Protein backbone atom coordinates (compact mmCIF):
# COMPACT_ATOMS: atom_id res chain seq x y z
CA MET A 1 26.23 -32.46 -19.78
CA GLN A 2 23.07 -30.73 -20.96
CA GLN A 3 23.63 -32.15 -24.45
CA LEU A 4 24.19 -35.64 -22.99
CA GLY A 5 20.89 -35.34 -21.11
CA GLN A 6 19.13 -34.49 -24.36
CA LEU A 7 20.75 -37.48 -26.09
CA SER A 8 19.58 -39.89 -23.37
CA SER A 9 15.98 -38.75 -23.67
CA ALA A 10 15.48 -37.98 -27.37
CA SER A 11 18.07 -39.67 -29.59
CA PRO A 12 17.60 -41.35 -32.99
CA THR A 13 16.93 -45.09 -33.25
CA PRO A 14 19.55 -46.77 -31.02
CA PRO A 15 21.73 -49.72 -32.05
CA ALA A 16 20.07 -53.07 -31.43
CA GLY A 17 20.08 -54.08 -27.79
CA LEU A 18 21.05 -50.66 -26.44
CA THR A 19 18.66 -48.48 -24.46
CA ARG A 20 18.94 -44.72 -24.47
CA ARG A 21 20.33 -44.74 -20.93
CA ARG A 22 22.94 -47.34 -21.88
CA LYS A 23 24.03 -45.24 -24.84
CA ALA A 24 24.35 -42.19 -22.55
CA ALA A 25 26.43 -44.28 -20.15
CA LEU A 26 28.71 -45.34 -23.01
CA ILE A 27 29.27 -41.69 -23.98
CA VAL A 28 30.12 -40.82 -20.38
CA GLN A 29 32.53 -43.76 -20.19
CA MET A 30 34.22 -42.64 -23.42
CA LEU A 31 34.59 -39.10 -22.06
CA PHE A 32 36.09 -40.43 -18.83
CA ARG A 33 38.43 -42.67 -20.81
CA ASP A 34 39.72 -39.68 -22.77
CA GLY A 35 40.27 -37.69 -19.57
CA ASN A 36 37.42 -35.23 -20.12
CA GLY A 37 35.68 -34.32 -16.87
CA ILE A 38 31.98 -33.56 -16.92
CA PRO A 39 29.99 -32.02 -14.00
CA LEU A 40 27.80 -34.99 -13.06
CA THR A 41 27.07 -33.37 -9.69
CA ARG A 42 24.84 -30.85 -11.48
CA MET A 43 22.47 -33.66 -12.46
CA PRO A 44 19.58 -34.63 -10.13
CA GLU A 45 20.64 -37.44 -7.79
CA LYS A 46 18.15 -39.85 -9.37
CA LEU A 47 19.87 -39.46 -12.75
CA GLN A 48 23.29 -39.82 -11.14
CA ALA A 49 22.15 -43.08 -9.55
CA ALA A 50 20.68 -44.33 -12.83
CA LEU A 51 23.94 -43.50 -14.62
CA ALA A 52 25.96 -45.37 -11.99
CA HIS A 53 23.78 -48.46 -12.44
CA GLU A 54 24.15 -48.30 -16.23
CA LEU A 55 27.93 -47.89 -16.02
CA GLY A 56 28.09 -50.80 -13.60
CA ALA A 57 26.18 -53.00 -16.02
CA ILE A 58 28.58 -52.39 -18.92
CA ARG A 59 31.11 -55.17 -19.46
CA LEU A 60 32.62 -55.51 -22.92
CA VAL A 61 31.30 -53.55 -25.93
CA ASP A 62 32.49 -54.30 -29.44
CA LYS A 63 34.28 -51.60 -31.39
CA SER A 64 31.60 -51.17 -34.07
CA THR A 65 28.90 -50.49 -31.44
CA VAL A 66 31.12 -47.90 -29.72
CA GLU A 67 31.76 -46.18 -33.05
CA GLN A 68 28.06 -46.24 -33.94
CA VAL A 69 27.09 -44.66 -30.60
CA ALA A 70 29.81 -42.04 -30.96
CA VAL A 71 28.74 -41.11 -34.51
CA GLU A 72 25.12 -40.94 -33.43
CA PHE A 73 26.11 -38.67 -30.52
CA LEU A 74 28.05 -36.34 -32.83
CA GLU A 75 25.11 -36.18 -35.24
CA GLU A 76 22.88 -35.28 -32.32
CA LEU A 77 25.27 -32.47 -31.36
CA ASP A 78 25.33 -31.16 -34.93
CA SER A 79 21.53 -31.00 -35.03
CA ILE A 80 21.31 -28.86 -31.92
CA GLY A 81 20.69 -25.17 -32.62
CA LEU A 82 20.27 -23.96 -29.06
CA VAL A 83 20.95 -25.42 -25.65
CA ALA A 84 18.83 -24.07 -22.79
CA PRO A 85 19.50 -24.74 -19.10
CA GLY A 86 17.01 -27.64 -19.03
CA SER A 87 15.99 -27.22 -15.39
CA THR A 88 15.04 -24.39 -13.07
CA LEU A 89 18.11 -24.93 -10.92
CA GLN A 90 20.40 -24.69 -13.96
CA ALA A 91 18.41 -21.68 -15.18
CA LEU A 92 19.01 -19.94 -11.84
CA ASP A 93 22.75 -20.59 -12.18
CA ALA A 94 22.69 -19.25 -15.74
CA LEU A 95 20.79 -16.11 -14.75
CA GLY A 96 23.36 -15.32 -12.08
CA ASP A 97 22.87 -11.84 -10.64
CA GLN A 98 20.25 -10.89 -13.23
CA ILE A 99 17.43 -11.74 -10.79
CA SER A 100 16.88 -10.96 -7.12
CA PRO A 101 19.25 -12.98 -4.89
CA ASP A 102 16.45 -13.49 -2.35
CA LEU A 103 14.11 -14.82 -5.05
CA ALA A 104 16.81 -17.10 -6.45
CA GLU A 105 17.54 -18.53 -2.98
CA ARG A 106 13.83 -19.12 -2.32
CA LEU A 107 13.31 -20.83 -5.69
CA ARG A 108 16.32 -23.09 -5.13
CA ALA A 109 14.98 -24.02 -1.70
CA GLU A 110 11.52 -24.79 -3.08
CA ILE A 111 12.95 -27.01 -5.85
CA ILE A 112 15.26 -28.90 -3.50
CA ALA A 113 12.42 -29.37 -1.02
CA ALA A 114 10.15 -30.72 -3.77
CA GLN A 115 12.84 -33.08 -5.10
CA ASN A 116 13.93 -34.50 -1.77
CA GLY A 117 10.77 -34.13 0.33
CA ASP A 118 12.88 -32.09 2.76
CA PRO A 119 11.18 -28.90 4.02
CA TRP A 120 14.23 -27.48 5.75
CA PRO A 121 15.85 -25.83 2.69
CA MET A 122 12.75 -23.63 2.41
CA VAL A 123 12.76 -22.82 6.13
CA THR A 124 16.45 -21.96 6.25
CA ALA A 125 16.08 -19.86 3.07
CA LEU A 126 13.76 -17.45 4.87
CA SER A 127 15.19 -13.98 5.40
CA GLU A 128 16.80 -13.19 8.73
CA ASP A 129 13.88 -10.94 9.70
CA ASP A 130 11.38 -13.69 8.84
CA LEU A 131 13.39 -16.18 10.90
CA VAL A 132 13.35 -13.79 13.84
CA THR A 133 9.56 -13.53 13.53
CA LEU A 134 9.34 -17.34 13.37
CA MET A 135 11.47 -17.80 16.47
CA GLU A 136 9.47 -15.26 18.43
CA ALA A 137 6.21 -17.00 17.46
CA GLU A 138 7.30 -20.60 18.13
CA SER A 139 8.44 -22.27 21.34
CA THR A 140 12.05 -22.01 22.47
CA HIS A 141 12.49 -25.73 21.71
CA ILE A 142 11.40 -25.20 18.09
CA GLY A 143 13.57 -22.06 17.92
CA ALA A 144 16.58 -24.09 19.07
CA ILE A 145 15.99 -26.69 16.35
CA VAL A 146 15.67 -23.99 13.68
CA LEU A 147 18.86 -22.33 14.91
CA SER A 148 20.63 -25.68 14.73
CA LYS A 149 19.58 -26.18 11.09
CA LEU A 150 20.79 -22.76 9.92
CA PRO A 151 24.23 -22.15 8.41
CA VAL A 152 26.55 -20.88 11.15
CA ALA A 153 26.88 -17.32 9.81
CA LYS A 154 23.14 -16.91 9.31
CA ALA A 155 22.39 -18.41 12.73
CA ALA A 156 24.71 -15.85 14.32
CA GLU A 157 22.96 -12.98 12.52
CA VAL A 158 19.50 -14.22 13.54
CA LEU A 159 20.56 -14.75 17.14
CA GLY A 160 21.93 -11.22 17.23
CA LYS A 161 18.59 -9.79 16.07
CA LEU A 162 16.54 -11.62 18.70
CA PRO A 163 15.65 -9.87 21.96
CA GLY A 164 18.26 -10.70 24.61
CA GLU A 165 16.08 -12.87 26.83
CA ARG A 166 14.64 -14.78 23.87
CA ALA A 167 18.12 -15.34 22.43
CA ARG A 168 19.35 -16.70 25.78
CA ARG A 169 16.39 -19.11 26.12
CA ILE A 170 16.81 -20.44 22.59
CA SER A 171 20.56 -20.84 23.10
CA PHE A 172 19.90 -22.84 26.27
CA GLY A 173 17.27 -24.85 24.38
CA MET A 174 19.98 -26.14 22.04
CA SER A 175 21.35 -28.20 24.93
CA GLN A 176 18.08 -30.16 24.92
CA THR A 177 18.09 -31.07 21.21
CA SER A 178 20.65 -33.88 21.28
CA SER A 179 18.01 -36.62 21.59
CA VAL A 180 15.58 -35.26 18.97
CA SER A 181 14.88 -37.92 16.32
CA PRO A 182 15.27 -37.24 12.57
CA ASP A 183 11.57 -38.02 12.11
CA ALA A 184 10.62 -35.36 14.66
CA VAL A 185 12.88 -32.81 12.96
CA LEU A 186 11.27 -33.63 9.60
CA LYS A 187 7.75 -33.17 11.03
CA ILE A 188 8.74 -29.88 12.66
CA GLY A 189 10.22 -28.69 9.37
CA LYS A 190 7.04 -29.52 7.47
CA ALA A 191 4.91 -27.65 10.01
CA LEU A 192 7.18 -24.60 9.86
CA MET A 193 7.20 -24.66 6.05
CA ARG A 194 3.40 -24.75 6.01
CA ASP A 195 3.04 -21.94 8.58
CA HIS A 196 5.87 -19.63 7.57
CA CYS A 197 7.01 -20.39 4.00
CA GLU A 198 3.83 -20.80 1.98
CA LYS A 199 2.75 -17.32 0.96
CA SER A 200 -0.97 -16.69 1.02
CA THR A 201 -2.71 -15.14 -1.98
CA ILE A 202 -3.20 -11.40 -1.59
CA ALA A 203 -5.93 -9.26 -3.08
CA PHE A 204 -3.73 -6.32 -4.19
CA ASN A 205 -0.51 -6.37 -6.18
CA ARG A 206 0.64 -3.02 -4.74
CA GLY A 207 1.10 -1.89 -1.16
CA PRO A 208 -1.43 0.38 0.59
CA ASP A 209 0.95 3.37 0.41
CA ALA A 210 1.24 3.02 -3.39
CA ARG A 211 -2.51 2.60 -3.82
CA LEU A 212 -3.38 5.62 -1.69
CA GLY A 213 -0.61 7.64 -3.33
CA ALA A 214 -2.08 6.91 -6.77
CA ILE A 215 -5.49 8.13 -5.57
CA LEU A 216 -4.11 11.30 -4.02
CA ASN A 217 -2.11 12.05 -7.16
CA THR A 218 -5.30 13.02 -8.94
CA SER A 219 -7.21 14.38 -5.94
CA PRO A 220 -7.73 18.13 -5.43
CA ALA A 221 -4.78 19.71 -3.64
CA ALA A 222 -6.91 20.67 -0.62
CA THR A 223 -8.16 17.10 -0.23
CA ARG A 224 -4.66 15.69 -0.64
CA GLU A 225 -3.15 17.95 2.01
CA ASP A 226 -6.04 17.33 4.41
CA VAL A 227 -5.63 13.55 4.08
CA LEU A 228 -1.85 13.70 4.51
CA THR A 229 -2.14 15.95 7.56
CA SER A 230 -4.62 13.55 9.13
CA LEU A 231 -2.45 10.53 8.29
CA ASN A 232 0.60 12.21 9.76
CA GLY A 233 -1.22 12.47 13.09
CA ASP A 234 -2.41 8.85 13.03
CA ASP A 235 0.58 7.07 11.45
CA PRO A 236 3.58 9.28 10.54
CA LYS A 237 5.49 6.44 8.86
CA PHE A 238 2.56 5.47 6.64
CA ALA A 239 2.02 9.16 5.79
CA ASP A 240 5.69 9.44 4.78
CA ASP A 241 5.44 6.29 2.61
CA VAL A 242 2.34 7.70 0.90
CA ARG A 243 4.14 10.99 0.18
CA LYS A 244 6.90 9.06 -1.59
CA ASN A 245 4.28 7.68 -3.97
CA ILE A 246 2.80 11.08 -4.79
CA PHE A 247 3.92 13.13 -7.75
CA THR A 248 2.09 16.39 -8.42
CA PHE A 249 2.70 19.52 -10.45
CA ALA A 250 4.49 21.00 -7.44
CA ASP A 251 7.13 18.25 -7.70
CA ILE A 252 8.11 18.92 -11.30
CA ALA A 253 10.87 21.43 -10.56
CA THR A 254 12.60 19.18 -8.01
CA ARG A 255 12.09 15.69 -9.43
CA ILE A 256 12.26 15.99 -13.22
CA LYS A 257 15.48 16.61 -15.14
CA GLY A 258 15.39 19.72 -17.28
CA THR A 259 16.43 17.73 -20.32
CA ASP A 260 13.39 15.45 -19.84
CA ILE A 261 10.84 18.29 -19.96
CA PRO A 262 10.37 18.22 -23.78
CA VAL A 263 9.54 14.51 -23.81
CA CYS A 264 7.28 14.95 -20.77
CA ILE A 265 5.05 17.53 -22.44
CA ARG A 266 5.14 15.98 -25.92
CA ALA A 267 2.01 13.89 -25.27
CA VAL A 268 0.09 16.75 -23.63
CA ASP A 269 -2.46 18.66 -25.70
CA ALA A 270 -1.30 22.25 -26.31
CA ASP A 271 -4.49 23.80 -24.90
CA GLU A 272 -4.31 21.60 -21.77
CA LEU A 273 -0.68 22.60 -21.25
CA ASN A 274 -1.57 26.31 -21.58
CA VAL A 275 -4.33 25.97 -18.97
CA ALA A 276 -2.04 23.99 -16.64
CA ILE A 277 0.73 26.61 -16.89
CA SER A 278 -1.76 29.43 -16.31
CA ALA A 279 -3.26 27.75 -13.22
CA ALA A 280 0.16 26.83 -11.83
CA LEU A 281 1.54 30.36 -12.20
CA ALA A 282 -1.43 31.60 -10.17
CA GLY A 283 -1.21 28.74 -7.66
CA SER A 284 1.20 27.88 -4.84
CA ASP A 285 4.87 28.79 -4.93
CA ASP A 286 5.82 25.19 -5.76
CA GLU A 287 3.28 25.00 -8.58
CA ALA A 288 4.50 28.32 -9.99
CA ALA A 289 8.08 27.02 -9.78
CA GLY A 290 6.99 23.94 -11.74
CA ALA A 291 5.42 26.11 -14.45
CA GLU A 292 8.54 28.31 -14.75
CA TYR A 293 10.72 25.19 -14.82
CA ILE A 294 8.74 23.79 -17.76
CA LEU A 295 8.96 27.10 -19.64
CA ALA A 296 12.69 27.39 -18.98
CA ASN A 297 13.41 23.93 -20.39
CA MET A 298 11.64 24.19 -23.74
CA SER A 299 12.44 26.24 -26.82
CA GLN A 300 12.15 29.97 -26.18
CA ARG A 301 9.82 30.31 -29.12
CA MET A 302 7.41 27.77 -27.66
CA ALA A 303 7.73 29.27 -24.17
CA GLY A 304 6.94 32.72 -25.54
CA SER A 305 3.89 31.36 -27.34
CA ILE A 306 2.60 29.77 -24.12
CA ARG A 307 3.12 32.98 -22.13
CA GLU A 308 1.11 34.91 -24.76
CA ALA A 309 -1.70 32.32 -24.56
CA VAL A 310 -1.69 32.56 -20.74
CA ASP A 311 -1.96 36.36 -20.87
CA GLU A 312 -4.87 36.16 -23.27
CA MET A 313 -6.57 33.45 -21.21
CA GLY A 314 -6.87 35.48 -18.05
CA HIS A 315 -8.09 33.88 -14.82
CA VAL A 316 -8.56 30.08 -14.81
CA LYS A 317 -10.91 28.44 -12.31
CA ARG A 318 -9.03 26.34 -9.77
CA LYS A 319 -10.98 23.15 -10.57
CA THR A 320 -10.28 23.55 -14.31
CA GLY A 321 -6.63 24.34 -13.64
CA GLU A 322 -6.14 21.32 -11.38
CA ALA A 323 -7.65 19.05 -14.02
CA ALA A 324 -5.18 20.40 -16.60
CA MET A 325 -2.24 20.04 -14.19
CA ASN A 326 -3.30 16.43 -13.58
CA VAL A 327 -3.14 15.80 -17.32
CA VAL A 328 0.50 16.96 -17.31
CA THR A 329 1.50 14.98 -14.22
CA THR A 330 -0.30 11.86 -15.48
CA ALA A 331 1.74 12.02 -18.69
CA ILE A 332 4.92 12.34 -16.62
CA ARG A 333 4.01 9.47 -14.29
CA THR A 334 3.20 7.25 -17.28
CA LEU A 335 6.62 7.98 -18.78
CA ALA A 336 8.32 7.18 -15.47
CA GLU A 337 6.40 3.91 -15.05
CA ASP A 338 7.31 2.87 -18.60
CA GLY A 339 10.97 3.68 -18.03
CA GLY A 340 11.02 6.65 -20.42
CA ILE A 341 12.32 8.97 -17.69
CA THR A 342 13.66 8.61 -14.16
CA TYR A 343 12.62 10.72 -11.21
CA GLN A 344 15.37 12.66 -9.49
CA SER A 345 16.00 12.05 -5.81
CA THR A 346 14.72 14.69 -3.42
CA ASP A 347 17.45 13.87 -0.89
CA ASP A 348 20.58 11.78 -0.56
CA GLU A 349 18.83 8.78 1.01
CA ASP A 350 15.78 8.35 -1.21
CA ASP A 351 16.80 7.31 -4.71
CA GLU A 352 14.08 6.42 -7.13
């Protein structure tokens, strides 16, 4: 079908008196005659209608014209090196589960809405939580119309998530929708699409927890703990989300696989690594555990060399040591962001 679409729009010079659409219709008729089914329903409705008109206009076609169209079609097939989906809807079908199901559903709804001028596919494609928010913000009459437009299973899920009183009012409101005109439903759908489906442009491409976590990653430990303690008092959930975005030297022993340690330190300057190990061994218990973990997961010769350098170095100022530890953790975070390594989970529920 994709190849037939290409033939109808970009074929060689057609036989005299035949348009490209008529030639495509002849090919379809020949396929039907030979008992070969083709998925015409996958074509846009406008093309299906155009094909029906062309087929209806065909009466008798001489044998030489049929043969010429068939040969031309085969030559067109032979010249094709690659067939792509040809439309976003077909591309979504081809991608299957390789992209987010929610994104795929939203894109399908947007395309169908654009093709048909119908806003309701976009409205009904909203997530259940978004639909609950919509129904709580709009009147019960609007909520009843939305509920009526949803697929039965999705409507049941949304109704179950609504507060009891709101769910009862919307359910009762459905009894008052029998006389609503199609034009009114269309206008309501357009208003809902504008208010609830069109995403506004945002200034930041990452959430506030990720942005603050990135800042605290390179902040002094005292500052980081002070901020987290304060956040925990003001907004415990936000504080917990920020913690999930923080990776410091103290997290190395619990969140990095031992086999990944060599690749993690490969990009770190040897002198910086020595200073970081020295400062960590003299720091908190978790930082010291991170230093020992690094030493335990490298060659014993290299670990021995680092321990000798640390002994010779003596005391390292905290500020200098934290800067060196940040160099190590920055290298690790960069690897993780690029997919070179994967953080280990700190508990059974939080998988990176």
